[in-house]
Protein backbone atom coordinates (compact mmCIF):
# COMPACT_ATOMS: atom_id res chain seq x y z
CA UNK A 1 -28.77 4.67 -13.85
CA UNK A 2 -31.77 5.54 -11.75
CA UNK A 3 -32.94 9.12 -11.63
CA UNK A 4 -34.61 10.30 -8.41
CA UNK A 5 -36.17 13.24 -10.28
CA UNK A 6 -37.67 10.93 -12.93
CA UNK A 7 -39.01 8.58 -10.26
CA UNK A 8 -40.54 11.48 -8.30
CA UNK A 9 -42.26 12.84 -11.43
CA UNK A 10 -43.47 9.37 -12.32
CA UNK A 11 -45.01 8.76 -8.90
CA UNK A 12 -46.58 12.23 -8.78
CA UNK A 13 -48.24 11.73 -12.17
CA UNK A 14 -49.51 8.18 -11.61
CA UNK A 15 -53.25 7.61 -11.93
CA UNK A 16 -54.60 5.60 -8.99
CA UNK A 17 -58.01 3.99 -8.65
CA UNK A 18 -58.90 1.48 -5.95
CA UNK A 19 -56.19 -1.20 -6.13
CA UNK A 20 -55.01 -0.25 -9.63
CA UNK A 21 -52.62 2.31 -11.01
CA UNK A 22 -51.46 3.55 -14.37
CA UNK A 23 -48.24 5.28 -15.30
CA UNK A 24 -48.53 7.31 -18.51
CA UNK A 25 -45.37 7.63 -20.55
CA UNK A 26 -43.98 9.07 -23.75
CA UNK A 27 -41.43 6.77 -25.37
CA UNK A 28 -40.04 6.73 -28.90
CA UNK A 29 -42.11 4.31 -31.02
CA UNK A 30 -39.07 2.15 -31.78
CA UNK A 31 -38.62 1.53 -28.00
CA UNK A 32 -42.21 0.48 -27.24
CA UNK A 33 -41.60 -3.13 -28.26
CA UNK A 34 -38.51 -3.30 -26.03
CA UNK A 35 -40.48 -1.94 -23.06
CA UNK A 36 -43.32 -4.42 -23.68
CA UNK A 37 -40.82 -7.28 -23.89
CA UNK A 38 -39.22 -6.30 -20.57
CA UNK A 39 -42.58 -6.16 -18.79
CA UNK A 40 -43.65 -9.50 -20.28
CA UNK A 41 -40.44 -11.05 -18.94
CA UNK A 42 -41.46 -9.91 -15.43
CA UNK A 43 -44.62 -11.99 -15.49
CA UNK A 44 -47.45 -10.36 -13.55
CA UNK A 45 -45.64 -7.08 -12.90
CA UNK A 46 -47.73 -4.95 -15.23
CA UNK A 47 -49.12 -4.57 -18.72
CA UNK A 48 -47.96 -2.07 -21.33
CA UNK A 49 -50.78 -0.60 -23.38
CA UNK A 50 -50.09 1.61 -26.40
CA UNK A 51 -52.45 4.56 -26.21
CA UNK A 52 -51.26 6.56 -29.21
CA UNK A 53 -48.47 5.18 -31.36
CA UNK A 54 -48.26 8.39 -33.44
CA UNK A 55 -47.56 10.42 -30.29
CA UNK A 56 -45.59 7.56 -28.70
CA UNK A 57 -47.81 7.42 -25.62
CA UNK A 58 -48.18 4.27 -23.55
CA UNK A 59 -49.64 3.31 -20.20
CA UNK A 60 -48.26 0.84 -17.69
CA UNK A 61 -51.25 -0.75 -15.95
CA UNK A 62 -50.63 -2.58 -12.69
CA UNK A 63 -51.74 -3.28 -9.16
CA UNK A 64 -50.81 -0.63 -6.58
CA UNK A 65 -48.74 -3.25 -4.74
CA UNK A 66 -46.24 -3.13 -7.63
CA UNK A 67 -45.94 0.68 -7.70
CA UNK A 68 -42.47 0.97 -6.15
CA UNK A 69 -40.98 -1.87 -8.22
CA UNK A 70 -42.38 -0.47 -11.47
CA UNK A 71 -41.20 3.05 -10.61
CA UNK A 72 -37.68 1.72 -9.97
CA UNK A 73 -37.68 -0.32 -13.18
CA UNK A 74 -38.91 2.58 -15.32
CA UNK A 75 -36.45 4.93 -13.65
CA UNK A 76 -33.58 2.57 -14.44
CA UNK A 77 -34.71 2.39 -18.11
CA UNK A 78 -35.59 6.08 -18.54
CA UNK A 79 -32.35 7.24 -20.10
CA UNK A 80 -31.72 4.13 -22.22
CA UNK A 81 -35.26 4.06 -23.70
CA UNK A 82 -35.86 7.84 -23.60
CA UNK A 83 -38.95 7.49 -21.36
CA UNK A 84 -40.75 10.63 -20.18
CA UNK A 85 -43.57 10.57 -17.60
CA UNK A 86 -46.86 12.15 -18.67
CA UNK A 87 -49.77 13.32 -16.55
CA UNK A 88 -52.91 11.18 -16.73
CA UNK A 89 -55.36 12.15 -19.46
CA UNK A 90 -58.07 14.55 -18.36
CA UNK A 91 -60.67 12.75 -20.45
CA UNK A 92 -60.94 8.96 -20.52
CA UNK A 93 -63.98 8.82 -22.82
CA UNK A 94 -61.90 7.58 -25.76
CA UNK A 95 -60.33 4.81 -23.67
CA UNK A 96 -62.60 1.76 -23.53
CA UNK A 97 -60.62 0.31 -20.63
CA UNK A 98 -60.75 3.34 -18.32
CA UNK A 99 -63.95 5.06 -19.49
CA UNK A 100 -66.17 3.42 -16.84
CA UNK A 101 -63.80 3.94 -13.93
């Protein structure tokens, strides 16, 4: 089920820039493929990007317009996939996608 506490933490920790946002998550490596598959099935909702497979860290990249829908979806999957929200990185220099933002 959905967790209001998870959703609140997720929204508080989201990285926002102009019309884009990123949710940073920790998820067991064996569940990353499942999460990617779910987002691909919701065409255009967002993109899952693996940041560090060894530490099981991923980012959900999306337009701000999809923020509430993504937060609800991740909240509904949190327990099943063992998803934990992470704060945004403090240094984006190692991330080619976000380094110039």
